[in-house]
C-alpha cells in the first residue's frame, strides 16, 4: 500500500540554483514532519511513498528528477523544469520534527 503525504512547506538555503535551493520539505497538521530532500527522494524512489502539494484545491503529484548537472531534486508534475510550486510554499518552521 502506497502512503501519501501532502507537502505544505519547504526550507530553503538561499542558493542561486533552484535545483539546490530546497533543503527540506515538510507537512502534517496534527503530527508535523520534515524530511531532507535526500530522504524524500529515497522514499519516492522506493515506490512506497507519494508526495503532493495542493494547487487550486486539487492535489498535484511531486516527482524526483535529475537536473542537467546531475543534482536530484523534487518538483511537481505541473512545473516544467524548475521546482516553482515547491519554491512558493511557506518556509518550514524550525521546530518541526525531522523524520527519516
PDB file of N, CA and C in Angstrom:
ATOM      1  N   UNK A   1       0.844  -1.182   0.000  1.00  0.00           N
ATOM      2  CA  UNK A   1       0.000   0.000   0.000  1.00  0.00           C
ATOM      3  C   UNK A   1       0.892   1.249   0.000  1.00  0.00           C
ATOM      4  N   UNK A   2       0.645   2.122  -0.937  1.00  0.00           N
ATOM      5  CA  UNK A   2       1.417   3.353  -1.052  1.00  0.00           C
ATOM      6  C   UNK A   2       0.897   4.379  -0.054  1.00  0.00           C
ATOM      7  N   UNK A   3       1.820   5.000   0.670  1.00  0.00           N
ATOM      8  CA  UNK A   3       1.460   6.061   1.618  1.00  0.00           C
ATOM      9  C   UNK A   3       1.554   7.392   0.892  1.00  0.00           C
ATOM     10  N   UNK A   4       0.620   8.294   1.188  1.00  0.00           N
ATOM     11  CA  UNK A   4       0.608   9.617   0.556  1.00  0.00           C
ATOM     12  C   UNK A   4       0.756  10.682   1.633  1.00  0.00           C
ATOM     13  N   UNK A   5       1.491  11.722   1.310  1.00  0.00           N
ATOM     14  CA  UNK A   5       1.702  12.819   2.258  1.00  0.00           C
ATOM     15  C   UNK A   5       1.696  14.148   1.512  1.00  0.00           C
ATOM     16  N   UNK A   6       0.996  15.124   2.070  1.00  0.00           N
ATOM     17  CA  UNK A   6       0.957  16.460   1.486  1.00  0.00           C
ATOM     18  C   UNK A   6       2.148  17.276   1.969  1.00  0.00           C
ATOM     19  N   UNK A   7       2.876  17.870   1.045  1.00  0.00           N
ATOM     20  CA  UNK A   7       3.960  18.784   1.381  1.00  0.00           C
ATOM     21  C   UNK A   7       3.360  20.179   1.494  1.00  0.00           C
ATOM     22  N   UNK A   8       3.523  20.796   2.663  1.00  0.00           N
ATOM     23  CA  UNK A   8       2.931  22.125   2.894  1.00  0.00           C
ATOM     24  C   UNK A   8       3.976  23.205   3.142  1.00  0.00           C
ATOM     25  N   UNK A   9       5.252  22.803   3.255  1.00  0.00           N
ATOM     26  CA  UNK A   9       6.307  23.790   3.487  1.00  0.00           C
ATOM     27  C   UNK A   9       7.616  23.297   2.888  1.00  0.00           C
ATOM     28  N   UNK A  10       8.523  24.242   2.656  1.00  0.00           N
ATOM     29  CA  UNK A  10       9.838  23.900   2.102  1.00  0.00           C
ATOM     30  C   UNK A  10      10.877  24.821   2.732  1.00  0.00           C
ATOM     31  N   UNK A  11      11.937  24.245   3.267  1.00  0.00           N
ATOM     32  CA  UNK A  11      13.047  25.036   3.820  1.00  0.00           C
ATOM     33  C   UNK A  11      14.060  25.278   2.715  1.00  0.00           C
ATOM     34  N   UNK A  12      14.536  26.520   2.609  1.00  0.00           N
ATOM     35  CA  UNK A  12      15.469  26.883   1.554  1.00  0.00           C
ATOM     36  C   UNK A  12      16.774  27.400   2.143  1.00  0.00           C
ATOM     37  N   UNK A  13      17.854  27.224   1.374  1.00  0.00           N
ATOM     38  CA  UNK A  13      19.174  27.617   1.856  1.00  0.00           C
ATOM     39  C   UNK A  13      19.699  28.894   1.209  1.00  0.00           C
ATOM     40  N   UNK A  14      18.951  29.500   0.273  1.00  0.00           N
ATOM     41  CA  UNK A  14      19.387  30.740  -0.353  1.00  0.00           C
ATOM     42  C   UNK A  14      20.317  30.578  -1.535  1.00  0.00           C
ATOM     43  N   UNK A  15      20.608  29.356  -1.951  1.00  0.00           N
ATOM     44  CA  UNK A  15      21.465  29.144  -3.124  1.00  0.00           C
ATOM     45  C   UNK A  15      20.800  29.705  -4.370  1.00  0.00           C
ATOM     46  N   UNK A  16      21.614  30.051  -5.326  1.00  0.00           N
ATOM     47  CA  UNK A  16      21.100  30.618  -6.574  1.00  0.00           C
ATOM     48  C   UNK A  16      20.366  29.568  -7.416  1.00  0.00           C
ATOM     49  N   UNK A  17      20.884  28.356  -7.487  1.00  0.00           N
ATOM     50  CA  UNK A  17      20.293  27.305  -8.307  1.00  0.00           C
ATOM     51  C   UNK A  17      18.977  26.821  -7.696  1.00  0.00           C
ATOM     52  N   UNK A  18      17.872  26.871  -8.453  1.00  0.00           N
ATOM     53  CA  UNK A  18      16.599  26.389  -7.914  1.00  0.00           C
ATOM     54  C   UNK A  18      16.616  24.888  -7.640  1.00  0.00           C
ATOM     55  N   UNK A  19      17.503  24.155  -8.281  1.00  0.00           N
ATOM     56  CA  UNK A  19      17.592  22.707  -8.078  1.00  0.00           C
ATOM     57  C   UNK A  19      18.258  22.351  -6.755  1.00  0.00           C
ATOM     58  N   UNK A  20      19.022  23.266  -6.192  1.00  0.00           N
ATOM     59  CA  UNK A  20      19.735  23.013  -4.943  1.00  0.00           C
ATOM     60  C   UNK A  20      19.240  23.884  -3.798  1.00  0.00           C
ATOM     61  N   UNK A  21      18.234  24.711  -4.044  1.00  0.00           N
ATOM     62  CA  UNK A  21      17.778  25.687  -3.052  1.00  0.00           C
ATOM     63  C   UNK A  21      16.967  25.061  -1.916  1.00  0.00           C
ATOM     64  N   UNK A  22      16.155  24.070  -2.220  1.00  0.00           N
ATOM     65  CA  UNK A  22      15.311  23.452  -1.184  1.00  0.00           C
ATOM     66  C   UNK A  22      16.120  22.396  -0.443  1.00  0.00           C
ATOM     67  N   UNK A  23      16.151  22.510   0.879  1.00  0.00           N
ATOM     68  CA  UNK A  23      16.905  21.555   1.688  1.00  0.00           C
ATOM     69  C   UNK A  23      16.006  20.536   2.381  1.00  0.00           C
ATOM     70  N   UNK A  24      14.790  20.956   2.737  1.00  0.00           N
ATOM     71  CA  UNK A  24      13.843  20.095   3.441  1.00  0.00           C
ATOM     72  C   UNK A  24      12.433  20.370   2.921  1.00  0.00           C
ATOM     73  N   UNK A  25      11.573  19.377   3.052  1.00  0.00           N
ATOM     74  CA  UNK A  25      10.153  19.558   2.819  1.00  0.00           C
ATOM     75  C   UNK A  25       9.429  19.030   4.048  1.00  0.00           C
ATOM     76  N   UNK A  26       8.245  19.556   4.286  1.00  0.00           N
ATOM     77  CA  UNK A  26       7.510  19.132   5.476  1.00  0.00           C
ATOM     78  C   UNK A  26       6.020  19.236   5.281  1.00  0.00           C
ATOM     79  N   UNK A  27       5.306  18.794   6.279  1.00  0.00           N
ATOM     80  CA  UNK A  27       3.850  18.822   6.244  1.00  0.00           C
ATOM     81  C   UNK A  27       3.289  18.309   7.549  1.00  0.00           C
ATOM     82  N   UNK A  28       2.028  17.915   7.512  1.00  0.00           N
ATOM     83  CA  UNK A  28       1.360  17.361   8.687  1.00  0.00           C
ATOM     84  C   UNK A  28       0.778  18.435   9.586  1.00  0.00           C
ATOM     85  N   UNK A  29      -0.524  18.390   9.759  1.00  0.00           N
ATOM     86  CA  UNK A  29      -1.182  19.381  10.619  1.00  0.00           C
ATOM     87  C   UNK A  29      -1.221  18.912  12.068  1.00  0.00           C
ATOM     88  N   UNK A  30      -1.628  17.674  12.281  1.00  0.00           N
ATOM     89  CA  UNK A  30      -1.713  17.175  13.650  1.00  0.00           C
ATOM     90  C   UNK A  30      -0.390  16.600  14.147  1.00  0.00           C
ATOM     91  N   UNK A  31       0.380  16.037  13.227  1.00  0.00           N
ATOM     92  CA  UNK A  31       1.687  15.475  13.569  1.00  0.00           C
ATOM     93  C   UNK A  31       2.706  15.997  12.555  1.00  0.00           C
ATOM     94  N   UNK A  32       3.291  17.180  12.806  1.00  0.00           N
ATOM     95  CA  UNK A  32       4.223  17.777  11.844  1.00  0.00           C
ATOM     96  C   UNK A  32       5.434  16.884  11.576  1.00  0.00           C
ATOM     97  N   UNK A  33       5.898  16.926  10.339  1.00  0.00           N
ATOM     98  CA  UNK A  33       7.070  16.161   9.920  1.00  0.00           C
ATOM     99  C   UNK A  33       7.908  17.016   8.983  1.00  0.00           C
ATOM    100  N   UNK A  34       9.174  16.676   8.892  1.00  0.00           N
ATOM    101  CA  UNK A  34      10.090  17.349   7.977  1.00  0.00           C
ATOM    102  C   UNK A  34      11.145  16.348   7.555  1.00  0.00           C
ATOM    103  N   UNK A  35      11.438  16.313   6.236  1.00  0.00           N
ATOM    104  CA  UNK A  35      12.431  15.411   5.675  1.00  0.00           C
ATOM    105  C   UNK A  35      13.458  16.205   4.881  1.00  0.00           C
ATOM    106  N   UNK A  36      14.673  15.717   4.837  1.00  0.00           N
ATOM    107  CA  UNK A  36      15.648  16.306   3.921  1.00  0.00           C
ATOM    108  C   UNK A  36      15.204  15.939   2.503  1.00  0.00           C
ATOM    109  N   UNK A  37      15.700  16.669   1.526  1.00  0.00           N
ATOM    110  CA  UNK A  37      15.389  16.344   0.133  1.00  0.00           C
ATOM    111  C   UNK A  37      15.853  14.932  -0.189  1.00  0.00           C
ATOM    112  N   UNK A  38      17.035  14.556   0.285  1.00  0.00           N
ATOM    113  CA  UNK A  38      17.548  13.203   0.019  1.00  0.00           C
ATOM    114  C   UNK A  38      16.620  12.138   0.590  1.00  0.00           C
ATOM    115  N   UNK A  39      16.112  12.366   1.823  1.00  0.00           N
ATOM    116  CA  UNK A  39      15.196  11.401   2.433  1.00  0.00           C
ATOM    117  C   UNK A  39      13.892  11.299   1.641  1.00  0.00           C
ATOM    118  N   UNK A  40      13.343  12.442   1.236  1.00  0.00           N
ATOM    119  CA  UNK A  40      12.086  12.450   0.475  1.00  0.00           C
ATOM    120  C   UNK A  40      12.267  11.748  -0.868  1.00  0.00           C
ATOM    121  N   UNK A  41      13.381  11.992  -1.544  1.00  0.00           N
ATOM    122  CA  UNK A  41      13.655  11.348  -2.833  1.00  0.00           C
ATOM    123  C   UNK A  41      13.798   9.838  -2.651  1.00  0.00           C
ATOM    124  N   UNK A  42      14.458   9.427  -1.592  1.00  0.00           N
ATOM    125  CA  UNK A  42      14.627   7.993  -1.317  1.00  0.00           C
ATOM    126  C   UNK A  42      13.269   7.322  -1.112  1.00  0.00           C
ATOM    127  N   UNK A  43      12.362   7.996  -0.390  1.00  0.00           N
ATOM    128  CA  UNK A  43      11.021   7.440  -0.175  1.00  0.00           C
ATOM    129  C   UNK A  43      10.237   7.365  -1.484  1.00  0.00           C
ATOM    130  N   UNK A  44      10.344   8.391  -2.314  1.00  0.00           N
ATOM    131  CA  UNK A  44       9.682   8.373  -3.630  1.00  0.00           C
ATOM    132  C   UNK A  44      10.237   7.253  -4.504  1.00  0.00           C
ATOM    133  N   UNK A  45      11.557   7.160  -4.558  1.00  0.00           N
ATOM    134  CA  UNK A  45      12.203   6.147  -5.397  1.00  0.00           C
ATOM    135  C   UNK A  45      11.857   4.726  -4.955  1.00  0.00           C
ATOM    136  N   UNK A  46      11.576   4.539  -3.673  1.00  0.00           N
ATOM    137  CA  UNK A  46      11.228   3.206  -3.166  1.00  0.00           C
ATOM    138  C   UNK A  46       9.861   2.748  -3.664  1.00  0.00           C
ATOM    139  N   UNK A  47       9.040   3.710  -4.118  1.00  0.00           N
ATOM    140  CA  UNK A  47       7.696   3.376  -4.581  1.00  0.00           C
ATOM    141  C   UNK A  47       6.690   3.185  -3.467  1.00  0.00           C
ATOM    142  N   UNK A  48       7.138   3.357  -2.222  1.00  0.00           N
ATOM    143  CA  UNK A  48       6.243   3.161  -1.078  1.00  0.00           C
ATOM    144  C   UNK A  48       5.549   4.455  -0.641  1.00  0.00           C
ATOM    145  N   UNK A  49       6.063   5.588  -1.111  1.00  0.00           N
ATOM    146  CA  UNK A  49       5.507   6.893  -0.742  1.00  0.00           C
ATOM    147  C   UNK A  49       5.226   7.722  -1.977  1.00  0.00           C
ATOM    148  N   UNK A  50       4.200   8.552  -1.889  1.00  0.00           N
ATOM    149  CA  UNK A  50       3.903   9.574  -2.877  1.00  0.00           C
ATOM    150  C   UNK A  50       3.719  10.878  -2.128  1.00  0.00           C
ATOM    151  N   UNK A  51       4.236  11.961  -2.686  1.00  0.00           N
ATOM    152  CA  UNK A  51       4.048  13.278  -2.108  1.00  0.00           C
ATOM    153  C   UNK A  51       3.253  14.122  -3.089  1.00  0.00           C
ATOM    154  N   UNK A  52       2.534  15.100  -2.555  1.00  0.00           N
ATOM    155  CA  UNK A  52       1.760  16.006  -3.383  1.00  0.00           C
ATOM    156  C   UNK A  52       1.668  17.364  -2.703  1.00  0.00           C
ATOM    157  N   UNK A  53       1.325  18.388  -3.487  1.00  0.00           N
ATOM    158  CA  UNK A  53       1.004  19.710  -2.966  1.00  0.00           C
ATOM    159  C   UNK A  53      -0.397  20.046  -3.459  1.00  0.00           C
ATOM    160  N   UNK A  54      -1.081  20.923  -2.759  1.00  0.00           N
ATOM    161  CA  UNK A  54      -2.416  21.334  -3.166  1.00  0.00           C
ATOM    162  C   UNK A  54      -2.311  22.618  -3.981  1.00  0.00           C
ATOM    163  N   UNK A  55      -2.927  22.620  -5.152  1.00  0.00           N
ATOM    164  CA  UNK A  55      -2.998  23.798  -6.016  1.00  0.00           C
ATOM    165  C   UNK A  55      -4.437  23.910  -6.503  1.00  0.00           C
ATOM    166  N   UNK A  56      -5.084  25.048  -6.240  1.00  0.00           N
ATOM    167  CA  UNK A  56      -6.483  25.267  -6.651  1.00  0.00           C
ATOM    168  C   UNK A  56      -7.376  24.125  -6.160  1.00  0.00           C
ATOM    169  N   UNK A  57      -7.203  23.748  -4.896  1.00  0.00           N
ATOM    170  CA  UNK A  57      -7.996  22.706  -4.238  1.00  0.00           C
ATOM    171  C   UNK A  57      -7.871  21.322  -4.880  1.00  0.00           C
ATOM    172  N   UNK A  58      -6.793  21.086  -5.601  1.00  0.00           N
ATOM    173  CA  UNK A  58      -6.563  19.775  -6.207  1.00  0.00           C
ATOM    174  C   UNK A  58      -5.141  19.315  -5.891  1.00  0.00           C
ATOM    175  N   UNK A  59      -4.958  18.012  -5.610  1.00  0.00           N
ATOM    176  CA  UNK A  59      -3.609  17.508  -5.346  1.00  0.00           C
ATOM    177  C   UNK A  59      -2.787  17.447  -6.635  1.00  0.00           C
ATOM    178  N   UNK A  60      -1.515  17.866  -6.537  1.00  0.00           N
ATOM    179  CA  UNK A  60      -0.592  17.821  -7.665  1.00  0.00           C
ATOM    180  C   UNK A  60       0.597  16.962  -7.238  1.00  0.00           C
ATOM    181  N   UNK A  61       0.854  15.923  -7.985  1.00  0.00           N
ATOM    182  CA  UNK A  61       1.902  14.953  -7.675  1.00  0.00           C
ATOM    183  C   UNK A  61       3.288  15.594  -7.689  1.00  0.00           C
ATOM    184  N   UNK A  62       4.127  15.170  -6.740  1.00  0.00           N
ATOM    185  CA  UNK A  62       5.532  15.587  -6.675  1.00  0.00           C
ATOM    186  C   UNK A  62       6.374  14.434  -7.200  1.00  0.00           C
ATOM    187  N   UNK A  63       7.375  14.765  -8.022  1.00  0.00           N
ATOM    188  CA  UNK A  63       8.251  13.747  -8.595  1.00  0.00           C
ATOM    189  C   UNK A  63       9.704  14.116  -8.363  1.00  0.00           C
ATOM    190  N   UNK A  64      10.575  13.129  -8.440  1.00  0.00           N
ATOM    191  CA  UNK A  64      12.016  13.338  -8.294  1.00  0.00           C
ATOM    192  C   UNK A  64      12.667  13.217  -9.665  1.00  0.00           C
ATOM    193  N   UNK A  65      13.517  14.198  -9.989  1.00  0.00           N
ATOM    194  CA  UNK A  65      14.212  14.223 -11.275  1.00  0.00           C
ATOM    195  C   UNK A  65      15.682  14.553 -11.069  1.00  0.00           C
ATOM    196  N   UNK A  66      16.446  14.486 -12.167  1.00  0.00           N
ATOM    197  CA  UNK A  66      17.842  14.908 -12.175  1.00  0.00           C
ATOM    198  C   UNK A  66      17.956  16.201 -12.954  1.00  0.00           C
ATOM    199  N   UNK A  67      18.689  17.177 -12.407  1.00  0.00           N
ATOM    200  CA  UNK A  67      18.954  18.403 -13.144  1.00  0.00           C
ATOM    201  C   UNK A  67      20.004  18.121 -14.212  1.00  0.00           C
ATOM    202  N   UNK A  68      20.283  19.109 -15.037  1.00  0.00           N
ATOM    203  CA  UNK A  68      21.309  18.941 -16.087  1.00  0.00           C
ATOM    204  C   UNK A  68      22.686  18.670 -15.500  1.00  0.00           C
ATOM    205  N   UNK A  69      22.892  19.145 -14.265  1.00  0.00           N
ATOM    206  CA  UNK A  69      24.188  18.941 -13.617  1.00  0.00           C
ATOM    207  C   UNK A  69      24.226  17.657 -12.793  1.00  0.00           C
ATOM    208  N   UNK A  70      23.121  16.887 -12.810  1.00  0.00           N
ATOM    209  CA  UNK A  70      23.084  15.621 -12.095  1.00  0.00           C
ATOM    210  C   UNK A  70      22.549  15.707 -10.684  1.00  0.00           C
ATOM    211  N   UNK A  71      22.119  16.869 -10.254  1.00  0.00           N
ATOM    212  CA  UNK A  71      21.564  17.055  -8.914  1.00  0.00           C
ATOM    213  C   UNK A  71      20.137  16.503  -8.862  1.00  0.00           C
ATOM    214  N   UNK A  72      19.846  15.633  -7.899  1.00  0.00           N
ATOM    215  CA  UNK A  72      18.477  15.122  -7.715  1.00  0.00           C
ATOM    216  C   UNK A  72      17.665  16.200  -7.015  1.00  0.00           C
ATOM    217  N   UNK A  73      16.442  16.407  -7.476  1.00  0.00           N
ATOM    218  CA  UNK A  73      15.579  17.418  -6.877  1.00  0.00           C
ATOM    219  C   UNK A  73      14.124  17.013  -7.016  1.00  0.00           C
ATOM    220  N   UNK A  74      13.252  17.707  -6.284  1.00  0.00           N
ATOM    221  CA  UNK A  74      11.814  17.475  -6.331  1.00  0.00           C
ATOM    222  C   UNK A  74      11.132  18.606  -7.086  1.00  0.00           C
ATOM    223  N   UNK A  75      10.063  18.272  -7.803  1.00  0.00           N
ATOM    224  CA  UNK A  75       9.221  19.259  -8.462  1.00  0.00           C
ATOM    225  C   UNK A  75       7.835  18.651  -8.632  1.00  0.00           C
ATOM    226  N   UNK A  76       6.845  19.494  -8.906  1.00  0.00           N
ATOM    227  CA  UNK A  76       5.518  18.957  -9.180  1.00  0.00           C
ATOM    228  C   UNK A  76       5.403  18.644 -10.667  1.00  0.00           C
ATOM    229  N   UNK A  77       4.424  17.826 -11.024  1.00  0.00           N
ATOM    230  CA  UNK A  77       4.214  17.497 -12.425  1.00  0.00           C
ATOM    231  C   UNK A  77       3.733  18.717 -13.209  1.00  0.00           C
ATOM    232  N   UNK A  78       3.208  19.734 -12.538  1.00  0.00           N
ATOM    233  CA  UNK A  78       2.777  20.975 -13.197  1.00  0.00           C
ATOM    234  C   UNK A  78       3.957  21.846 -13.612  1.00  0.00           C
ATOM    235  N   UNK A  79       5.070  21.732 -12.897  1.00  0.00           N
ATOM    236  CA  UNK A  79       6.247  22.548 -13.199  1.00  0.00           C
ATOM    237  C   UNK A  79       6.932  22.011 -14.449  1.00  0.00           C
ATOM    238  N   UNK A  80       7.534  22.916 -15.192  1.00  0.00           N
ATOM    239  CA  UNK A  80       8.275  22.475 -16.381  1.00  0.00           C
ATOM    240  C   UNK A  80       9.577  21.821 -15.937  1.00  0.00           C
ATOM    241  N   UNK A  81      10.593  22.616 -15.622  1.00  0.00           N
ATOM    242  CA  UNK A  81      11.878  22.076 -15.192  1.00  0.00           C
ATOM    243  C   UNK A  81      12.186  22.429 -13.746  1.00  0.00           C
ATOM    244  N   UNK A  82      11.998  23.682 -13.380  1.00  0.00           N
ATOM    245  CA  UNK A  82      12.349  24.136 -12.032  1.00  0.00           C
ATOM    246  C   UNK A  82      11.217  23.846 -11.050  1.00  0.00           C
ATOM    247  N   UNK A  83      11.562  23.665  -9.773  1.00  0.00           N
ATOM    248  CA  UNK A  83      10.563  23.312  -8.764  1.00  0.00           C
ATOM    249  C   UNK A  83       9.781  24.530  -8.256  1.00  0.00           C
ATOM    250  N   UNK A  84       9.121  25.261  -9.143  1.00  0.00           N
ATOM    251  CA  UNK A  84       8.466  26.508  -8.779  1.00  0.00           C
ATOM    252  C   UNK A  84       7.361  26.330  -7.750  1.00  0.00           C
ATOM    253  N   UNK A  85       6.524  25.297  -7.901  1.00  0.00           N
ATOM    254  CA  UNK A  85       5.451  25.083  -6.914  1.00  0.00           C
ATOM    255  C   UNK A  85       6.015  24.895  -5.512  1.00  0.00           C
ATOM    256  N   UNK A  86       7.085  24.130  -5.391  1.00  0.00           N
ATOM    257  CA  UNK A  86       7.680  23.902  -4.069  1.00  0.00           C
ATOM    258  C   UNK A  86       8.377  25.156  -3.545  1.00  0.00           C
ATOM    259  N   UNK A  87       8.992  25.929  -4.432  1.00  0.00           N
ATOM    260  CA  UNK A  87       9.687  27.148  -4.004  1.00  0.00           C
ATOM    261  C   UNK A  87       8.728  28.220  -3.503  1.00  0.00           C
ATOM    262  N   UNK A  88       7.455  28.144  -3.876  1.00  0.00           N
ATOM    263  CA  UNK A  88       6.477  29.138  -3.416  1.00  0.00           C
ATOM    264  C   UNK A  88       5.798  28.744  -2.110  1.00  0.00           C
ATOM    265  N   UNK A  89       6.080  27.551  -1.599  1.00  0.00           N
ATOM    266  CA  UNK A  89       5.494  27.128  -0.321  1.00  0.00           C
ATOM    267  C   UNK A  89       6.103  27.935   0.823  1.00  0.00           C
ATOM    268  N   UNK A  90       5.351  28.077   1.924  1.00  0.00           N
ATOM    269  CA  UNK A  90       5.932  28.771   3.084  1.00  0.00           C
ATOM    270  C   UNK A  90       7.122  28.003   3.645  1.00  0.00           C
ATOM    271  N   UNK A  91       7.980  28.731   4.348  1.00  0.00           N
ATOM    272  CA  UNK A  91       9.153  28.128   4.970  1.00  0.00           C
ATOM    273  C   UNK A  91       8.715  27.191   6.091  1.00  0.00           C
ATOM    274  N   UNK A  92       9.392  26.066   6.214  1.00  0.00           N
ATOM    275  CA  UNK A  92       9.096  25.120   7.295  1.00  0.00           C
ATOM    276  C   UNK A  92       9.519  25.717   8.632  1.00  0.00           C
ATOM    277  N   UNK A  93       8.666  25.602   9.659  1.00  0.00           N
ATOM    278  CA  UNK A  93       9.067  26.074  10.988  1.00  0.00           C
ATOM    279  C   UNK A  93      10.303  25.332  11.480  1.00  0.00           C
ATOM    280  N   UNK A  94      11.168  26.037  12.147  1.00  0.00           N
ATOM    281  CA  UNK A  94      12.430  25.461  12.631  1.00  0.00           C
ATOM    282  C   UNK A  94      12.204  24.344  13.646  1.00  0.00           C
ATOM    283  N   UNK A  95      11.077  24.401  14.362  1.00  0.00           N
ATOM    284  CA  UNK A  95      10.848  23.423  15.429  1.00  0.00           C
ATOM    285  C   UNK A  95      10.104  22.175  14.964  1.00  0.00           C
ATOM    286  N   UNK A  96       9.875  22.008  13.675  1.00  0.00           N
ATOM    287  CA  UNK A  96       9.211  20.792  13.213  1.00  0.00           C
ATOM    288  C   UNK A  96      10.102  19.587  13.430  1.00  0.00           C
ATOM    289  N   UNK A  97       9.454  18.456  13.668  1.00  0.00           N
ATOM    290  CA  UNK A  97      10.157  17.210  13.895  1.00  0.00           C
ATOM    291  C   UNK A  97      10.797  16.760  12.585  1.00  0.00           C
ATOM    292  N   UNK A  98      12.062  16.411  12.647  1.00  0.00           N
ATOM    293  CA  UNK A  98      12.738  15.877  11.465  1.00  0.00           C
ATOM    294  C   UNK A  98      12.594  14.368  11.510  1.00  0.00           C
ATOM    295  N   UNK A  99      11.931  13.816  10.476  1.00  0.00           N
ATOM    296  CA  UNK A  99      11.704  12.374  10.382  1.00  0.00           C
ATOM    297  C   UNK A  99      12.700  11.780   9.425  1.00  0.00           C
ATOM    298  N   UNK A 100      12.781  10.493   9.438  1.00  0.00           N
ATOM    299  CA  UNK A 100      13.622   9.873   8.430  1.00  0.00           C
ATOM    300  C   UNK A 100      14.152   8.595   8.781  1.00  0.00           C
TER     301      UNK A 100
END
